[in-house]
Protein backbone atom coordinates (compact mmCIF):
# COMPACT_ATOMS: atom_id res chain seq x y z
CA MET A 1 28.55 132.99 116.19
CA ALA A 2 26.55 136.08 117.17
CA VAL A 3 23.33 135.22 118.95
CA LYS A 4 20.37 137.60 118.71
CA MET A 5 18.75 138.15 122.10
CA THR A 6 14.95 138.23 122.29
CA GLU A 7 14.33 138.52 126.04
CA THR A 8 14.90 141.14 128.74
CA VAL A 9 15.07 140.74 132.50
CA GLY A 10 11.55 142.15 132.69
CA SER A 11 10.08 139.72 130.15
CA VAL A 12 11.78 136.80 131.88
CA ALA A 13 10.36 137.95 135.23
CA LYS A 14 6.84 137.98 133.73
CA LYS A 15 7.31 134.46 132.37
CA ALA A 16 8.63 133.29 135.74
CA LEU A 17 5.60 134.77 137.53
CA GLY A 18 3.22 133.09 135.11
CA PHE A 19 5.04 129.79 135.54
CA ALA A 20 4.90 130.10 139.34
CA LEU A 21 1.15 130.77 139.26
CA MET A 22 0.63 127.79 136.95
CA ASN A 23 2.55 125.54 139.34
CA LEU A 24 0.59 126.84 142.31
CA VAL A 25 -2.71 126.00 140.60
CA ILE A 26 -1.46 122.51 139.69
CA ARG A 27 -0.22 121.92 143.23
CA GLN A 28 -3.55 122.90 144.77
CA ALA A 29 -5.45 120.75 142.29
CA VAL A 30 -3.26 117.74 143.11
CA LEU A 31 -3.66 118.23 146.86
CA PHE A 32 -7.43 118.57 146.48
CA ALA A 33 -7.83 115.51 144.25
CA THR A 34 -5.51 113.03 145.97
CA GLU A 35 -4.99 111.69 149.46
CA LYS A 36 -1.76 110.33 150.90
CA THR A 37 -1.68 107.38 153.29
CA GLN A 38 -0.04 108.30 156.57
CA LEU A 39 3.08 106.24 157.26
CA LYS A 40 1.68 104.96 160.55
CA ASP A 41 -1.24 103.48 158.58
CA VAL A 42 0.90 101.79 155.93
CA GLN A 43 0.72 97.99 155.94
CA VAL A 44 3.72 95.96 154.79
CA GLN A 45 3.80 92.29 153.82
CA VAL A 46 6.31 90.18 155.76
CA TRP A 47 7.44 86.58 155.70
CA ALA A 48 7.29 84.34 158.74
CA ASN A 49 10.85 85.31 159.72
CA GLY A 50 9.90 89.00 159.73
CA THR A 51 11.64 90.03 156.51
CA LEU A 52 9.82 92.18 153.99
CA ALA A 53 8.03 90.58 151.05
CA THR A 54 7.65 92.31 147.69
CA ALA A 55 4.01 91.26 147.33
CA ALA A 56 1.20 89.65 149.29
CA SER A 57 0.87 85.86 149.16
CA ALA A 58 -0.46 82.97 151.20
CA ALA A 59 2.89 82.77 153.01
CA THR A 60 2.97 86.44 154.04
CA ARG A 61 1.04 88.51 156.53
CA PRO A 62 0.30 92.24 156.77
CA VAL A 63 1.97 94.21 159.54
CA ALA A 64 1.73 97.89 160.36
CA LEU A 65 4.90 99.69 159.27
CA PRO A 66 5.64 101.21 162.74
CA LEU A 67 5.36 97.77 164.38
CA TRP A 68 7.57 96.10 161.77
CA LEU A 69 10.25 98.80 162.10
CA SER A 70 10.23 98.51 165.89
CA ASP A 71 10.68 94.73 165.70
CA TRP A 72 13.35 95.12 163.03
CA ASP A 73 15.33 97.52 165.21
CA LYS A 74 15.02 95.28 168.28
CA GLN A 75 16.46 92.40 166.25
CA GLY A 76 19.54 94.52 165.53
CA HIS A 77 18.87 95.06 161.83
CA GLY A 78 18.05 98.77 161.85
CA ALA A 79 20.42 101.52 160.84
CA GLY A 80 20.71 102.50 164.46
CA ALA A 81 21.06 98.96 165.74
CA GLY A 82 22.83 98.73 169.01
CA SER A 83 22.00 102.28 170.06
CA SER A 84 19.52 102.94 172.81
CA SER A 85 17.96 105.80 170.83
CA SER A 86 17.05 103.47 167.97
CA SER A 87 15.65 100.69 170.15
CA LYS A 88 13.53 103.16 172.12
CA LEU A 89 12.16 105.01 169.11
CA ASP A 90 8.36 104.75 169.13
CA TYR A 91 7.45 104.92 165.45
CA SER A 92 3.71 104.90 166.13
CA ALA A 93 4.07 108.10 168.18
CA LEU A 94 5.79 110.01 165.37
CA ASP A 95 3.75 112.39 163.26
CA ASP A 96 3.98 111.84 159.52
CA LYS A 97 6.55 114.58 158.96
CA ALA A 98 8.90 113.23 161.64
CA PHE A 99 8.39 109.66 160.38
CA GLN A 100 9.26 110.72 156.84
CA LYS A 101 12.36 112.54 158.08
CA HIS A 102 13.59 109.51 159.98
CA LEU A 103 13.12 107.13 157.04
CA LEU A 104 14.69 109.56 154.57
CA GLU A 105 17.71 110.03 156.82
CA GLN A 106 18.11 106.25 157.12
CA GLU A 107 17.84 105.95 153.34
CA SER A 108 20.45 108.68 152.94
CA GLU A 109 22.86 106.81 155.20
CA TRP A 110 22.26 103.63 153.19
CA LYS A 111 23.13 105.47 149.96
CA ASN A 112 26.18 106.97 151.67
CA GLY A 113 27.32 103.48 152.56
CA LEU A 114 27.12 102.45 148.89
CA ALA A 115 29.32 105.36 147.88
CA PHE A 116 31.80 105.36 150.75
CA VAL A 117 32.66 101.69 150.30
CA LEU A 118 34.63 102.94 147.28
CA LEU A 119 36.89 105.05 149.48
CA PRO A 120 40.03 103.54 151.01
CA GLU A 121 39.78 102.96 154.76
CA GLY A 122 42.68 105.32 155.38
CA VAL A 123 40.90 108.12 153.54
CA LYS A 124 37.69 107.56 155.50
CA GLU A 125 39.60 107.65 158.79
CA LYS A 126 41.34 110.90 157.88
CA LEU A 127 38.10 112.50 156.72
CA ASN A 128 36.28 111.30 159.87
CA LEU A 129 33.04 111.12 157.89
CA ASP A 130 30.90 110.25 160.91
CA SER A 131 31.49 113.76 162.21
CA TRP A 132 30.22 115.41 159.02
CA PRO A 133 26.67 116.78 158.90
CA LEU A 134 24.35 114.56 156.87
CA ILE A 135 24.04 117.14 154.08
CA CYS A 136 27.85 117.17 153.68
CA ARG A 137 27.99 113.37 153.51
CA ALA A 138 25.20 113.51 150.91
CA TRP A 139 27.27 116.00 148.91
CA LEU A 140 30.33 113.72 149.01
CA ARG A 141 28.22 110.74 147.95
CA SER A 142 26.76 112.72 145.04
CA PHE A 143 30.25 113.87 144.07
CA ILE A 144 31.57 110.29 144.04
CA PHE A 145 28.66 108.99 141.97
CA ALA A 146 28.81 111.97 139.59
CA ASN A 147 32.49 111.32 138.87
CA LEU A 148 31.87 107.61 138.37
CA ILE A 149 29.02 108.23 135.94
CA TYR A 150 30.77 111.01 134.03
CA LEU A 151 34.20 109.42 133.68
CA GLY A 152 33.17 105.78 133.59
CA LEU A 153 30.35 106.26 131.12
CA GLY A 154 32.23 108.85 129.05
CA VAL A 155 35.32 106.68 128.60
CA THR A 156 33.26 103.58 127.77
CA TRP A 157 31.01 105.47 125.36
CA ALA A 158 33.93 107.16 123.60
CA TYR A 159 35.84 103.89 123.30
CA TYR A 160 32.97 102.17 121.50
CA ILE A 161 31.84 104.98 119.19
CA TYR A 162 35.36 106.12 118.22
CA THR A 163 37.52 103.00 118.47
CA VAL A 164 35.24 100.01 118.00
CA TYR A 165 32.60 101.46 115.65
CA GLY A 166 34.32 104.64 114.52
CA PHE A 167 34.83 103.40 110.95
CA LYS A 168 31.05 102.98 110.63
CA LEU A 169 29.73 105.91 112.71
CA PHE A 170 32.27 108.47 111.50
CA PRO A 171 33.26 107.34 107.97
CA LYS A 172 34.51 110.82 107.10
CA GLY A 173 36.81 110.86 110.10
CA ASN A 174 35.03 113.85 111.62
CA MET A 175 35.76 112.87 115.20
CA PRO A 176 36.57 115.45 117.89
CA ALA A 177 40.22 116.29 118.45
CA THR A 178 41.90 115.07 121.63
CA GLY A 179 42.38 118.69 122.73
CA ASP A 180 38.64 119.38 122.51
CA ILE A 181 37.82 116.28 124.55
CA LEU A 182 40.39 117.14 127.23
CA GLU A 183 39.00 120.66 127.52
CA GLN A 184 35.49 119.27 127.95
CA VAL A 185 36.72 116.92 130.67
CA LYS A 186 38.50 119.81 132.42
CA VAL A 187 35.39 122.04 132.38
CA SER A 188 33.13 119.20 133.54
CA LEU A 189 35.37 118.04 136.41
CA GLY A 190 35.69 121.64 137.55
CA ALA A 191 31.90 121.94 137.70
CA LEU A 192 31.11 118.59 139.37
CA PRO A 193 31.73 119.78 142.97
CA LEU A 194 29.01 122.42 142.58
CA TYR A 195 26.73 120.15 140.53
CA SER A 196 26.86 117.69 143.42
CA PHE A 197 25.58 120.30 145.86
CA LEU A 198 22.11 120.45 144.24
CA PRO A 199 21.01 116.85 144.99
CA ALA A 200 22.45 117.15 148.53
CA LEU A 201 20.59 120.40 149.19
CA CYS A 202 17.41 119.02 147.66
CA GLU A 203 17.66 115.89 149.78
CA ASN A 204 18.01 118.01 152.91
CA ILE A 205 14.92 120.07 152.00
CA VAL A 206 12.93 116.91 151.27
CA GLU A 207 13.95 115.50 154.66
CA ARG A 208 12.59 118.65 156.30
CA GLY A 209 9.18 117.95 154.77
CA TRP A 210 8.98 121.15 152.74
CA THR A 211 8.14 119.40 149.45
CA LEU A 212 5.48 116.89 148.36
CA ALA A 213 8.08 114.13 147.95
CA TYR A 214 7.37 110.89 149.80
CA VAL A 215 9.61 108.08 150.95
CA ARG A 216 7.58 104.87 150.51
CA MET A 217 5.77 103.89 147.33
CA ASP A 218 2.86 102.42 149.30
CA GLU A 219 1.93 105.88 150.59
CA TYR A 220 0.04 106.15 147.28
CA THR A 221 -1.52 103.56 144.98
CA TRP A 222 0.39 102.26 141.94
CA PRO A 223 -1.85 104.18 139.49
CA GLN A 224 -1.19 107.36 141.50
CA TYR A 225 2.56 106.69 141.52
CA LEU A 226 2.58 106.32 137.73
CA GLY A 227 0.32 109.34 137.22
CA PHE A 228 2.50 111.49 139.44
CA PHE A 229 5.63 110.27 137.66
CA PHE A 230 4.39 111.25 134.20
CA ALA A 231 2.99 114.57 135.44
CA TYR A 232 6.28 115.30 137.20
CA MET A 233 8.36 114.49 134.12
CA ALA A 234 6.07 116.58 131.89
CA LEU A 235 6.56 119.62 134.13
CA VAL A 236 10.32 118.93 134.29
CA GLU A 237 10.45 118.80 130.49
CA PHE A 238 8.58 122.12 130.33
CA GLY A 239 10.93 123.69 132.89
CA VAL A 240 14.11 122.40 131.26
CA TYR A 241 12.93 123.64 127.86
CA TRP A 242 12.31 127.19 129.08
CA ASN A 243 15.38 127.36 131.31
CA HIS A 244 17.50 126.28 128.35
CA ARG A 245 15.77 128.59 125.90
CA LEU A 246 16.08 131.62 128.20
CA LEU A 247 19.79 130.95 128.60
CA HIS A 248 19.94 131.65 124.86
CA ASP A 249 17.38 134.46 124.70
CA LEU A 250 18.59 136.51 127.69
CA ARG A 251 21.93 138.20 127.06
CA ILE A 252 23.30 137.84 130.59
CA GLY A 253 22.36 134.14 130.56
CA TYR A 254 24.22 133.43 127.34
CA ASP A 255 27.18 135.82 127.64
CA LYS A 256 27.99 134.98 131.27
CA LEU A 257 27.01 131.30 131.46
CA HIS A 258 25.82 129.31 128.48
CA TYR A 259 28.43 130.40 125.93
CA ILE A 260 30.93 128.09 127.66
CA HIS A 261 28.95 125.06 126.55
CA HIS A 262 28.42 126.42 123.04
CA LYS A 263 32.11 126.68 122.31
CA TYR A 264 31.51 123.20 120.94
CA ASN A 265 29.42 124.29 117.95
CA LYS A 266 30.48 121.87 115.24
CA GLU A 267 29.99 118.14 114.86
CA ASN A 268 33.71 117.48 115.08
CA THR A 269 34.00 119.31 118.41
CA LEU A 270 31.13 117.56 120.23
CA SER A 271 31.77 114.38 122.19
CA PRO A 272 30.18 112.35 125.01
CA PHE A 273 32.36 114.37 127.41
CA ALA A 274 30.65 117.63 126.39
CA GLY A 275 27.44 116.63 128.16
CA LEU A 276 28.42 118.19 131.50
CA ALA A 277 30.82 120.84 130.17
CA PHE A 278 28.91 123.85 131.47
CA HIS A 279 29.53 126.79 133.74
CA PRO A 280 28.55 125.32 137.16
CA LEU A 281 25.63 127.74 137.60
CA ASP A 282 24.41 126.99 134.08
CA GLY A 283 24.36 123.25 134.75
CA ILE A 284 22.55 123.75 138.06
CA LEU A 285 19.93 126.02 136.47
CA GLN A 286 19.11 123.39 133.88
CA ALA A 287 18.71 120.74 136.62
CA VAL A 288 16.64 122.93 138.97
CA PRO A 289 13.28 121.89 137.40
CA TYR A 290 13.82 118.44 138.92
CA PHE A 291 13.95 120.14 142.31
CA TRP A 292 11.20 122.76 142.14
CA THR A 293 8.68 120.30 140.68
CA LEU A 294 8.88 118.39 143.98
CA PHE A 295 6.91 121.29 145.48
CA VAL A 296 4.16 120.79 142.88
CA ILE A 297 3.77 117.04 142.24
CA PRO A 298 4.14 114.23 144.81
CA MET A 299 7.18 112.26 143.70
CA HIS A 300 8.84 109.22 145.21
CA SER A 301 12.12 110.53 146.60
CA LEU A 302 14.39 107.74 145.35
CA THR A 303 12.74 107.77 141.91
CA TYR A 304 13.37 111.52 141.69
CA GLU A 305 17.04 111.07 142.54
CA MET A 306 17.46 108.28 140.00
CA MET A 307 15.89 110.45 137.30
CA LEU A 308 18.19 113.35 138.20
CA PHE A 309 21.28 111.19 137.74
CA THR A 310 19.76 109.67 134.59
CA THR A 311 20.14 113.09 132.98
CA ALA A 312 23.92 112.64 133.20
CA ILE A 313 23.57 109.49 131.12
CA TRP A 314 21.18 111.12 128.68
CA THR A 315 23.34 114.19 128.13
CA THR A 316 26.24 111.87 127.27
CA ASN A 317 24.05 110.32 124.59
CA ILE A 318 22.85 113.52 122.92
CA HIS A 319 26.35 114.98 122.56
CA ASP A 320 27.93 112.03 120.76
CA CYS A 321 26.68 113.07 117.26
CA VAL A 322 25.47 109.51 116.61
CA GLU A 323 21.99 109.74 115.11
CA VAL A 324 19.52 107.05 116.10
CA GLU A 325 16.10 108.18 114.92
CA CYS A 326 13.32 107.30 117.36
CA PRO A 327 10.58 109.98 117.38
CA PRO A 328 9.60 111.77 119.54
CA ILE A 329 12.86 111.30 121.45
CA MET A 330 15.26 114.25 121.32
CA GLY A 331 18.32 112.34 120.18
CA ALA A 332 21.82 113.38 119.18
CA GLY A 333 20.76 114.41 115.68
CA TYR A 334 18.40 117.03 117.07
CA HIS A 335 20.88 118.27 119.66
CA THR A 336 23.68 118.59 117.12
CA ILE A 337 21.39 120.99 115.24
CA HIS A 338 20.96 122.94 118.47
CA HIS A 339 24.72 123.38 118.77
CA THR A 340 24.99 124.67 115.20
CA THR A 341 21.88 126.88 114.85
CA TYR A 342 21.59 128.01 118.51
CA ARG A 343 17.82 128.56 118.05
CA HIS A 344 16.29 125.11 117.81
CA ASN A 345 15.75 121.92 119.79
CA TYR A 346 15.98 123.13 123.39
CA GLY A 347 14.14 120.11 124.83
CA GLN A 348 15.63 117.45 127.06
CA PHE A 349 14.17 113.98 126.42
CA PHE A 350 11.43 114.70 123.88
CA THR A 351 10.60 116.98 120.95
CA TYR A 352 7.11 117.91 122.21
CA MET A 353 8.01 121.28 123.74
CA ASP A 354 9.98 122.42 120.71
CA GLY A 355 7.13 121.37 118.46
CA PHE A 356 4.56 123.23 120.57
CA PHE A 357 6.59 126.43 120.87
CA GLY A 358 7.81 126.45 117.27
CA THR A 359 11.52 125.76 117.79
CA LEU A 360 11.72 122.22 116.44
CA GLN A 361 14.07 121.51 113.54
CA TYR A 362 14.37 117.97 112.23
CA PRO A 363 17.69 116.36 111.29
CA GLU A 364 18.25 115.94 107.58
CA SER A 365 18.06 112.16 107.92
CA VAL A 366 14.55 112.44 109.34
CA LEU A 367 13.39 114.75 106.57
CA LEU A 368 14.81 112.45 103.90
CA ALA A 369 13.17 109.43 105.50
CA ARG A 370 9.81 111.19 105.61
CA LYS A 371 10.18 112.32 102.02
CA GLY A 372 10.94 108.75 100.99
CA LYS A 373 7.81 107.48 102.74
CA GLN A 374 5.67 110.09 100.96
CA THR A 375 6.97 109.05 97.52
CA THR A 376 6.36 105.33 98.03
C-alpha cells in the first residue's frame, strides 16, 4: 500500500525542538515545585532482628538508612558481604549521587542474579560473567528476560486464542498462516539483541546520576510517587504517539524502518508474535520515550524498568486481532485498523492522543455499540 508522506526532515526537526523546549520547561517546573529527600536522611522501619519492615508499627523502630545498611553489611547480608570494601563503606559519608550509584549497582546485580540462575553452570563458567562490565551483564539479563517474555508469552497467547478459543474468536478461520508467524518470530528474535541494549544503556546512565530517576520510593512521598508516575506515563504516551506517527509521515522513517512491521497489514497476517517484529532501530525509537522522560520527570528506577518490559506484554495483546472493547484503552481492534489504514490509531496504551490530534478511528464494533445505545 502506498503511503503518502506529510513530513520533511525540516518539519520533524522543528517539532523535535518544540518538544525539547516543552520538556525543559516541565523539568524546571518539577524541580522548582518538589524536593527530594537525600538518601542519608531517609528513615527505614526495621524489626527487632534488624530486617526491614514494610510499614511502621508498634513492633518496629525507625533507623537511618546509612546506619541500617552498615549494620546489614557487617552481618554478612550485603551484596558485598565478605569483602573488606563493603564492610568499610561509610554510607553516611557518601554524597547523594554516589549513594544512589551504589544502591542502583547493587540492585542491578540482584536483577542479574534472577536472570543468570536460568543459565547452566557450565555456560556461566565459560562466559566468566564476573569479568564482564556491569553494563554488559545488564544487557545479557535484559536479553534473557526479553526472550522469555516474547517466546513464553507469545506461545501461551497463541495457544489459547488459536487452539483453545479459536472456534469462538476466529469463527471465519481467518487466523494467520504458519509462515507469517514464523517470519514474525525470525524478525523479532533478530532484533532482540539490539532491543536489549536500550534498557542496559539507560540503566548505566541512571547509575551515573544524569537523570531524575531515584532508587528508593521513600525519597519522595507516596502522593509524589503517584503524581510523578502519571505525569511520566502521560509524557511517554505523547512521545510514543509522535515517534510512531513520524515513522509513517517521514519517508525515510517508513521506507527504511517501519515498513518491515507493516508487511503484516491484514487481520489474517497479524499475530501475537508480530508485536516485536520491527527493524531493530524502529523498535528502539518507539521505546526511547521511556528513557528520555527520565530526564524530565522523577521516576522510580525499578518502576520505570517494569513499565518498559510491560510494553512487550502490551504489544503482544494489541496484535492478536481479538477485540475487547474497554475505552479509552487502545486495544487490538484499534491497532488492527492502524495496520490496515496506516493513518490512524498511533497511540500506545490509550486513545487520548489520537483523539486530540485527529487520528482516532473507532472499530466497527464500537460504532455499532454506540449506535445501538443511541437508538434505545
